[in-house]
Protein backbone atom coordinates (compact mmCIF):
# COMPACT_ATOMS: atom_id res chain seq x y z
CA MET A 1 0.00 0.00 0.00
CA LYS A 2 1.38 3.36 -1.02
CA THR A 3 2.05 5.67 1.89
CA LEU A 4 0.47 9.12 1.68
CA SER A 5 2.79 12.08 1.69
CA LEU A 6 2.76 14.54 4.59
CA ARG A 7 1.14 17.15 2.34
CA ALA A 8 -1.61 14.69 1.30
CA ARG A 9 -2.19 13.69 4.93
CA LEU A 10 -2.58 17.30 6.04
CA LEU A 11 -4.90 18.14 3.14
CA LEU A 12 -6.98 15.01 3.66
CA ALA A 13 -7.32 15.53 7.41
CA GLY A 14 -8.05 19.23 6.96
CA SER A 15 -10.62 18.61 4.22
CA LEU A 16 -12.45 15.97 6.25
CA GLY A 17 -12.45 18.28 9.23
CA LEU A 18 -13.80 21.18 7.19
CA VAL A 19 -16.58 19.10 5.66
CA LEU A 20 -17.55 17.61 9.01
CA VAL A 21 -17.59 20.99 10.78
CA SER A 22 -19.50 22.59 7.90
CA VAL A 23 -22.14 19.85 7.88
CA LEU A 24 -22.57 20.12 11.63
CA ALA A 25 -22.76 23.91 11.38
CA GLY A 26 -25.38 23.68 8.61
CA VAL A 27 -27.51 21.23 10.62
CA LEU A 28 -27.19 23.34 13.75
CA LEU A 29 -28.09 26.56 11.94
CA GLY A 30 -31.11 24.86 10.35
CA ARG A 31 -32.33 23.64 13.73
CA LEU A 32 -31.79 27.02 15.35
CA PHE A 33 -33.73 28.78 12.57
CA GLU A 34 -36.54 26.23 12.77
CA GLN A 35 -36.71 26.61 16.55
CA ALA A 36 -36.78 30.41 16.28
CA ALA A 37 -39.58 30.31 13.69
CA ARG A 38 -41.56 27.81 15.78
CA ASP A 39 -41.14 29.96 18.90
CA ASN A 40 -42.41 32.95 16.97
CA LEU A 41 -45.47 30.97 15.82
CA ASP A 42 -46.08 29.70 19.36
CA THR A 43 -46.03 33.29 20.62
CA GLN A 44 -48.71 34.22 18.09
CA LEU A 45 -50.77 31.18 19.09
CA GLU A 46 -50.52 32.19 22.75
CA GLN A 47 -52.02 35.56 21.88
CA ASP A 48 -54.85 33.87 19.95
CA LEU A 49 -55.46 31.50 22.89
CA LEU A 50 -55.68 34.40 25.33
CA THR A 51 -58.08 36.21 22.97
CA VAL A 52 -60.44 33.22 22.83
CA LEU A 53 -60.24 32.68 26.59
CA ALA A 54 -60.98 36.35 27.23
CA GLN A 55 -64.22 36.14 25.25
CA ALA A 56 -65.46 32.74 26.55
CA GLU A 57 -68.03 32.55 29.38
CA ILE A 58 -70.82 30.42 30.83
CA ASP A 59 -74.15 32.25 30.83
CA ALA A 60 -76.87 32.00 33.45
CA SER A 61 -78.42 29.00 31.74
CA GLY A 62 -75.08 27.13 31.86
CA LYS A 63 -74.42 27.47 28.13
CA LEU A 64 -70.95 28.25 26.74
CA THR A 65 -70.89 31.45 24.69
CA LEU A 66 -68.48 34.05 23.40
CA ARG A 67 -69.12 37.63 24.31
CA GLN A 68 -67.58 38.60 20.99
CA GLU A 69 -66.11 36.61 18.11
CA PRO A 70 -62.35 37.17 17.53
CA ASN A 71 -62.16 39.87 14.89
CA ASP A 72 -59.27 38.21 13.05
CA ALA A 73 -60.39 37.67 9.42
CA ARG A 74 -58.48 34.40 9.24
CA PHE A 75 -60.92 32.80 11.67
CA GLN A 76 -63.82 33.80 9.40
CA ARG A 77 -62.46 32.44 6.10
CA VAL A 78 -63.19 28.73 5.57
CA PHE A 79 -60.12 26.50 5.81
CA SER A 80 -57.88 29.57 6.00
CA GLY A 81 -55.36 27.75 8.15
CA ALA A 82 -56.18 29.67 11.33
CA TYR A 83 -58.58 27.86 13.69
CA TRP A 84 -59.89 27.76 17.21
CA GLN A 85 -62.26 25.51 19.07
CA ILE A 86 -63.57 24.84 22.58
CA ALA A 87 -64.45 21.27 23.45
CA THR A 88 -65.00 19.06 26.43
CA THR A 89 -62.20 16.83 27.68
CA ASP A 90 -63.79 13.83 25.95
CA GLY A 91 -63.58 15.58 22.55
CA GLN A 92 -67.13 16.97 22.15
CA VAL A 93 -66.87 20.30 20.31
CA LEU A 94 -68.89 23.10 21.92
CA LEU A 95 -67.72 26.14 19.96
CA GLN A 96 -65.36 26.59 16.99
CA SER A 97 -64.22 29.13 14.45
CA ARG A 98 -66.08 29.56 11.16
CA SER A 99 -62.83 28.64 9.37
CA LEU A 100 -63.29 25.02 10.52
CA TRP A 101 -66.68 24.80 8.80
CA ASP A 102 -68.05 21.41 9.84
CA GLU A 103 -64.65 19.88 10.68
CA SER A 104 -62.97 19.70 14.08
CA LEU A 105 -59.46 19.66 15.48
CA GLN A 106 -57.93 16.58 17.10
CA PRO A 107 -55.16 18.00 19.29
CA PRO A 108 -53.28 15.91 21.88
CA ILE A 109 -54.61 16.08 25.44
CA PRO A 110 -52.36 18.16 27.74
CA ARG A 111 -50.56 16.10 30.37
CA ILE A 112 -50.67 19.00 32.81
CA PRO A 113 -54.18 20.53 32.72
CA THR A 114 -53.08 23.96 33.93
CA GLN A 115 -50.41 24.44 31.24
CA ALA A 116 -50.72 24.97 27.51
CA ILE A 117 -49.07 22.39 25.28
CA GLY A 118 -47.81 22.97 21.76
CA ALA A 119 -47.99 20.15 19.22
CA ASP A 120 -47.97 19.44 15.49
CA PHE A 121 -50.98 17.69 13.97
CA SER A 122 -53.03 17.60 10.75
CA GLY A 123 -55.83 20.05 9.93
CA PRO A 124 -59.15 19.68 8.15
CA MET A 125 -57.52 19.72 4.71
CA GLN A 126 -54.67 17.50 5.90
CA GLN A 127 -52.45 20.54 6.00
CA PRO A 128 -49.78 20.53 8.72
CA LEU A 129 -50.83 22.59 11.75
CA ARG A 130 -49.09 23.94 14.78
CA GLY A 131 -51.51 24.02 17.70
CA LEU A 132 -51.68 25.19 21.31
CA THR A 133 -54.07 23.43 23.72
CA GLN A 134 -54.93 24.19 27.34
CA GLN A 135 -57.53 22.92 29.77
CA VAL A 136 -59.41 25.63 31.66
CA ARG A 137 -62.33 25.79 34.05
CA LEU A 138 -64.62 28.80 33.48
CA PRO A 139 -66.83 30.29 36.17
CA ARG A 140 -70.13 28.38 36.52
CA SER A 141 -68.60 25.53 34.43
CA LYS A 142 -69.35 22.04 35.74
CA ALA A 143 -66.35 20.44 33.98
CA PRO A 144 -63.04 21.60 32.56
CA LEU A 145 -62.93 22.67 28.94
CA GLN A 146 -60.23 22.11 26.34
CA VAL A 147 -59.38 25.25 24.34
CA THR A 148 -57.32 24.85 21.16
CA VAL A 149 -55.93 27.38 18.69
CA ALA A 150 -54.00 26.28 15.58
CA SER A 151 -52.25 27.77 12.57
CA ASP A 152 -51.04 26.36 9.28
CA ARG A 153 -47.29 25.73 9.54
CA SER A 154 -46.74 25.10 5.80
CA GLN A 155 -45.14 28.50 5.36
CA LEU A 156 -42.89 27.85 8.36
CA ASP A 157 -41.75 24.53 6.89
CA ALA A 158 -41.15 26.19 3.51
CA ASP A 159 -39.10 28.98 5.13
CA VAL A 160 -37.03 26.42 7.06
CA ALA A 161 -36.39 24.34 3.92
CA ARG A 162 -35.42 27.44 1.96
CA PHE A 163 -33.09 28.56 4.76
CA ARG A 164 -31.42 25.14 4.84
CA GLN A 165 -30.91 25.16 1.09
CA ARG A 166 -29.35 28.58 1.18
CA SER A 167 -27.25 27.60 4.18
CA ALA A 168 -26.01 24.51 2.33
CA LEU A 169 -25.07 26.66 -0.67
CA ALA A 170 -23.32 29.16 1.57
CA MET A 171 -21.49 26.35 3.36
CA ALA A 172 -20.37 24.89 0.02
CA VAL A 173 -18.92 28.27 -0.97
CA LEU A 174 -17.25 28.60 2.42
CA ILE A 175 -15.84 25.07 2.18
CA ALA A 176 -14.31 25.91 -1.19
CA ALA A 177 -12.80 29.08 0.27
CA TRP A 178 -11.56 27.24 3.36
CA LEU A 179 -10.00 24.52 1.20
CA ALA A 180 -8.15 27.16 -0.79
CA VAL A 181 -6.91 28.66 2.47
CA LEU A 182 -5.97 25.17 3.71
CA VAL A 183 -3.96 24.41 0.59
CA SER A 184 -2.13 27.73 0.93
CA GLN A 185 -1.54 27.09 4.62
CA VAL A 186 -0.14 23.60 4.00
CA GLN A 187 2.06 24.87 1.19
CA PHE A 188 3.36 27.69 3.38
CA GLY A 189 3.74 25.46 6.44
CA LEU A 190 5.71 22.78 4.58
CA ARG A 191 8.03 25.28 2.94
CA PRO A 192 10.72 24.83 5.66
CA LEU A 193 10.66 21.06 5.10
CA ARG A 194 11.07 21.52 1.36
CA ALA A 195 13.94 23.91 2.04
CA LEU A 196 15.46 21.34 4.38
CA GLY A 197 15.16 18.69 1.68
CA LYS A 198 16.97 20.91 -0.84
CA ARG A 199 19.76 21.64 1.64
CA VAL A 200 20.16 17.93 2.40
CA GLU A 201 20.38 17.32 -1.34
CA GLN A 202 23.09 19.97 -1.60
CA VAL A 203 25.07 18.21 1.12
CA ARG A 204 24.60 14.86 -0.62
CA HIS A 205 25.88 16.30 -3.91
CA GLY A 206 28.85 17.91 -2.17
CA ASP A 207 27.69 21.50 -2.74
CA ALA A 208 27.60 22.18 1.01
CA ALA A 209 29.36 20.72 4.04
CA GLN A 210 26.54 21.26 6.53
CA ILE A 211 22.82 21.93 6.56
CA SER A 212 22.10 25.57 7.31
CA SER A 213 19.26 26.05 9.81
CA GLU A 214 18.70 29.68 8.80
CA GLY A 215 15.08 30.39 7.87
CA LEU A 216 13.85 26.88 8.72
CA GLY A 217 11.71 27.95 11.64
CA ARG A 218 11.82 27.08 15.30
CA GLU A 219 10.30 23.62 14.80
CA VAL A 220 12.44 22.42 11.88
CA ALA A 221 15.77 23.99 12.90
CA PRO A 222 16.43 21.34 15.62
CA LEU A 223 16.00 18.65 12.96
CA ALA A 224 18.65 20.34 10.83
CA GLU A 225 20.97 20.50 13.85
CA GLU A 226 20.45 16.80 14.56
CA LEU A 227 21.17 15.99 10.92
CA ASN A 228 24.35 18.07 11.13
CA ALA A 229 25.36 16.09 14.23
CA LEU A 230 24.67 12.86 12.34
CA LEU A 231 26.75 14.10 9.40
CA ALA A 232 29.58 15.04 11.75
CA HIS A 233 29.41 11.62 13.39
CA HIS A 234 29.45 9.93 10.00
CA GLN A 235 32.40 12.07 8.93
CA ARG A 236 34.27 11.08 12.10
CA MET A 237 33.54 7.41 11.41
CA VAL A 238 34.79 7.73 7.82
CA SER A 239 37.89 9.62 8.93
CA ARG A 240 38.49 7.06 11.64
CA ALA A 241 38.17 4.18 9.18
CA ARG A 242 40.57 5.85 6.74
CA SER A 243 43.05 6.59 9.49
CA SER A 244 42.82 3.02 10.77
CA ALA A 245 43.51 1.73 7.27
CA GLN A 246 46.53 4.02 6.95
CA ASP A 247 47.80 3.00 10.37
CA LEU A 248 47.32 -0.66 9.55
CA ALA A 249 49.24 -0.26 6.30
CA HIS A 250 52.00 1.52 8.21
CA ALA A 251 52.06 -1.18 10.90
CA LEU A 252 52.24 -4.00 8.33
CA LYS A 253 54.98 -2.36 6.31
CA THR A 254 57.80 -3.31 8.69
CA PRO A 255 56.84 -7.02 9.12
CA LEU A 256 56.42 -7.34 5.37
CA SER A 257 59.86 -5.80 4.83
CA VAL A 258 61.35 -8.26 7.31
CA LEU A 259 59.68 -11.19 5.55
CA HIS A 260 60.87 -9.91 2.19
CA ALA A 261 64.41 -9.60 3.48
CA GLU A 262 64.22 -13.09 4.99
CA ALA A 263 63.08 -14.46 1.63
CA ASP A 264 66.16 -12.93 -0.03
CA GLY A 265 68.49 -14.15 2.72
CA SER A 266 69.96 -17.49 3.64
CA GLY A 267 66.72 -18.69 5.18
CA GLU A 268 68.33 -20.34 8.25
CA HIS A 269 65.78 -19.00 10.76
CA TRP A 270 62.86 -18.39 8.45
CA ARG A 271 60.36 -20.34 10.60
CA GLN A 272 61.04 -18.23 13.68
CA THR A 273 60.99 -15.05 11.59
CA VAL A 274 57.70 -15.92 9.92
CA ARG A 275 56.20 -16.87 13.30
CA GLU A 276 57.27 -13.62 14.98
CA GLN A 277 56.23 -11.37 12.12
CA SER A 278 52.90 -13.21 11.72
CA ARG A 279 52.12 -12.62 15.40
CA ARG A 280 53.08 -8.99 14.98
CA MET A 281 50.87 -8.55 11.92
CA GLN A 282 47.96 -10.37 13.60
CA ALA A 283 48.27 -8.09 16.65
CA SER A 284 48.28 -5.01 14.40
CA ILE A 285 45.24 -6.25 12.47
CA ASP A 286 43.32 -7.00 15.69
CA ARG A 287 44.21 -3.63 17.17
CA TYR A 288 43.24 -1.58 14.14
CA LEU A 289 40.08 -3.54 13.51
CA ALA A 290 39.03 -2.78 17.05
CA SER A 291 39.86 0.90 16.67
CA GLY A 292 37.91 1.06 13.39
CA MET A 293 34.63 -0.20 14.88
CA ALA A 294 31.81 2.32 15.12
CA ALA A 295 30.87 3.64 18.54
CA ASP A 296 28.11 1.66 20.22
CA ARG A 297 26.40 4.02 22.65
CA HIS A 298 23.69 1.51 23.58
CA GLN A 299 26.00 -0.73 25.62
CA ARG A 300 26.89 -0.11 29.28
CA SER A 301 30.34 -0.98 30.65
CA ALA A 302 31.33 -0.76 34.31
CA ILE A 303 34.64 1.05 34.86
CA ALA A 304 35.93 -0.73 37.98
CA PRO A 305 36.19 -4.35 36.69
CA VAL A 306 37.79 -3.26 33.39
CA ALA A 307 40.37 -1.08 35.18
CA GLN A 308 41.24 -3.78 37.72
CA SER A 309 41.55 -6.48 35.05
CA LEU A 310 43.83 -4.31 32.90
CA CYS A 311 45.99 -3.43 35.91
CA ARG A 312 46.53 -7.14 36.64
CA LEU A 313 47.40 -7.75 32.97
CA MET A 314 49.84 -4.84 32.77
CA GLN A 315 51.41 -5.96 36.06
CA ARG A 316 52.44 -9.18 34.34
CA VAL A 317 53.61 -7.37 31.17
CA HIS A 318 55.78 -4.78 32.96
CA GLY A 319 56.43 -6.69 36.18
CA GLU A 320 60.07 -7.39 35.27
CA ARG A 321 60.83 -3.68 35.65
CA GLY A 322 59.12 -3.54 39.03
CA ILE A 323 56.26 -1.28 37.84
CA HIS A 324 53.11 -1.43 39.98
CA PHE A 325 49.71 -0.78 38.46
CA VAL A 326 47.09 0.49 40.91
CA ALA A 327 43.38 1.13 40.36
CA ASP A 328 42.20 3.59 43.00
CA ALA A 329 38.90 2.91 44.70
CA ILE A 330 36.44 3.35 41.79
CA ASP A 331 32.72 3.62 42.40
CA ALA A 332 31.06 0.41 41.22
CA GLN A 333 28.15 2.47 39.88
CA LEU A 334 30.32 4.33 37.36
CA CYS A 335 29.52 3.06 33.87
CA PHE A 336 30.74 4.01 30.43
CA ALA A 337 28.04 4.55 27.76
CA GLY A 338 29.77 2.37 25.21
CA ALA A 339 31.22 -1.03 24.42
CA ALA A 340 33.53 -2.73 26.92
CA ALA A 341 35.94 -3.60 24.08
CA ASP A 342 36.36 0.10 23.26
CA LEU A 343 36.96 0.92 26.93
CA GLU A 344 39.55 -1.86 27.17
CA GLU A 345 41.24 -0.65 23.98
CA MET A 346 41.53 2.93 25.27
CA LEU A 347 42.65 2.11 28.81
CA GLY A 348 44.90 -0.71 27.63
CA ASN A 349 46.82 1.59 25.29
CA LEU A 350 47.14 4.31 27.95
CA LEU A 351 48.25 1.88 30.68
CA ASP A 352 50.75 0.19 28.38
CA ASN A 353 52.08 3.57 27.31
CA ALA A 354 52.39 4.71 30.93
CA GLY A 355 54.02 1.42 31.96
CA ARG A 356 56.77 1.85 29.34
CA TRP A 357 57.87 5.18 30.83
CA ALA A 358 56.93 4.91 34.51
CA ALA A 359 59.66 4.72 37.13
CA HIS A 360 57.78 2.78 39.79
CA GLU A 361 53.99 3.15 39.60
CA VAL A 362 51.03 3.72 37.27
CA ARG A 363 47.74 4.79 38.83
CA ILE A 364 44.27 4.90 37.27
CA GLN A 365 41.49 7.06 38.72
CA ALA A 366 37.85 7.56 37.67
CA ARG A 367 35.15 9.98 38.76
CA ALA A 368 31.88 11.41 37.49
CA ASP A 369 31.27 15.00 36.45
CA ASP A 370 27.65 15.74 35.50
CA GLN A 371 26.97 13.48 32.47
CA GLN A 372 30.66 12.80 31.79
CA LEU A 373 33.21 10.28 33.01
CA LEU A 374 36.70 11.54 33.83
CA ILE A 375 39.40 8.84 33.80
CA ASP A 376 43.04 9.66 34.57
CA VAL A 377 46.02 7.38 33.89
CA ILE A 378 49.00 8.79 35.84
CA ASP A 379 52.60 7.61 35.73
CA ASP A 380 55.70 8.77 37.62
CA GLY A 381 57.93 8.88 34.57
CA PRO A 382 59.86 11.77 33.01
CA GLY A 383 56.80 13.39 31.42
CA LEU A 384 56.87 15.38 28.18
CA ALA A 385 58.11 18.72 27.05
CA GLU A 386 55.26 21.25 26.96
CA GLU A 387 55.53 21.73 23.19
CA ALA A 388 55.19 17.96 22.66
CA LEU A 389 51.97 17.48 24.66
CA GLN A 390 49.74 18.26 21.69
CA GLN A 391 52.13 17.05 19.02
CA VAL A 392 52.14 13.45 20.25
CA LEU A 393 48.34 13.23 19.80
CA GLN A 394 48.62 13.89 16.07
CA ARG A 395 48.20 10.99 13.68
CA GLY A 396 51.48 9.48 12.46
CA VAL A 397 53.48 10.55 15.54
CA ARG A 398 54.58 7.46 17.43
CA LEU A 399 56.16 8.15 20.80
CA ASP A 400 58.03 4.87 20.77
CA GLU A 401 59.69 5.83 17.49
CA ARG A 402 61.44 8.98 18.69
CA ASP A 403 63.42 10.09 21.73
CA GLY A 404 61.41 11.61 24.57
CA SER A 405 58.16 9.95 23.49
CA SER A 406 55.92 8.24 26.03
CA GLY A 407 53.48 5.82 24.44
CA LEU A 408 52.03 3.79 21.56
CA GLY A 409 48.56 3.98 20.15
CA LEU A 410 47.54 7.47 21.33
CA ALA A 411 46.12 8.19 17.88
CA ILE A 412 43.95 5.06 18.12
CA VAL A 413 42.73 6.13 21.57
CA GLY A 414 41.94 9.56 20.17
CA ASP A 415 39.92 8.04 17.33
CA ILE A 416 37.82 5.95 19.71
CA VAL A 417 37.31 8.89 22.06
CA ASP A 418 36.23 11.11 19.15
CA SER A 419 33.69 8.52 18.01
CA TYR A 420 31.99 8.83 21.42
CA GLY A 421 32.12 12.60 21.43
CA GLY A 422 34.72 12.66 24.21
CA SER A 423 38.22 14.05 24.50
CA LEU A 424 41.78 12.97 25.29
CA SER A 425 44.32 15.32 26.84
CA LEU A 426 47.84 15.05 28.24
CA ARG A 427 49.42 17.13 31.00
CA ASN A 428 52.49 17.02 33.16
CA THR A 429 51.81 16.56 36.88
CA GLY A 430 55.27 17.45 38.16
CA ASN A 431 55.96 13.82 39.00
CA GLY A 432 55.10 12.31 35.65
CA LEU A 433 52.48 12.41 32.90
CA CYS A 434 48.70 12.28 33.23
CA ALA A 435 46.48 11.12 30.33
CA SER A 436 42.88 12.23 30.88
CA LEU A 437 39.86 10.73 29.16
CA GLN A 438 36.48 12.47 29.08
CA LEU A 439 33.77 9.99 28.04
CA PRO A 440 29.95 9.82 28.09
CA ARG A 441 28.54 8.48 31.34
CA ALA A 442 25.77 5.88 31.38
């Protein structure tokens, strides 16, 4: 099933809403007009009822009479649509208007005798009538009487129908106008998204490095910023992969040269040479594959067990020189928002680097600062010259390849740290060198 576009969804939802609201408004207006017209007719009928009641009386002989006929000409014209009658409660007509001729009205009996009731019923010519009926007891009357006045409501029904037709036509015109406004509104409202799409296309084609959030509006601008962050992360991953490939090529160059030289030599110790260089190449491949992996922010890695395990490992590696590796009391709740393999790769490189240049001890410390983890690897070695602190972090600079250097793999650590949005810094402590990691905290 084809998915509707955002523009089509907005237009469809808006159109359905407009039609529904317009239909409801038309029905409501029709009912309100009908109720107003009916109330107006009921008011006129109340006046007619009061007129008839004012003229009705029981004479001395007990006969019902009218002191004076209502002077409304409608009551005199036969089947004019305006009628009145006075009858007993069992339906026997006592007096009626001339307009009824020899017919009679059949109104509903009021439920409450003292109140007038309005109702719709048919007249003598089967025309629709609106009537008002009330039970009254006149002086000297032995039983209550039922007084009814009625008027033809055909004109009222015609007026209501005509009003509803005109209302429907007006609503149709308004719906067309509202739809035009809706289309314009959707077009104008989606303009920032179209602009965002064009800017993303420019980035994809290489015409721009980032997505500009200017003019995108308060709601869409954060999306552009998140896309820029995603682009920056992707760029870091690509740069990291390229750097890892370059480092791997550099690391394999020396073992390959040794093997090539061994192939051209006498070949007396070729098995040992191949075995040593194979282990060296395998170690380089494993290390650079690990450094080239993308950051996994969904994993959670406790700091304390990783630090303690690495300290025990480094103690065996550098134990011949009497170097002690100590993990200060680290809170068991401190967790790194990333893969344990990445944490081991970073701390392993830093501890190994510190162990190569320490005099007696390497210490690792960890603490939390807001949403960040701060991990320090401190040695008591000779440290670095101030001008070399930043230089050694640059790619291609290997501290074990030049005098005064103090570590291997700092560029790899920097790549992993960058992939997590953290930082790596070096500083002299006065008694050695301190490598500080700033990483996301779980």
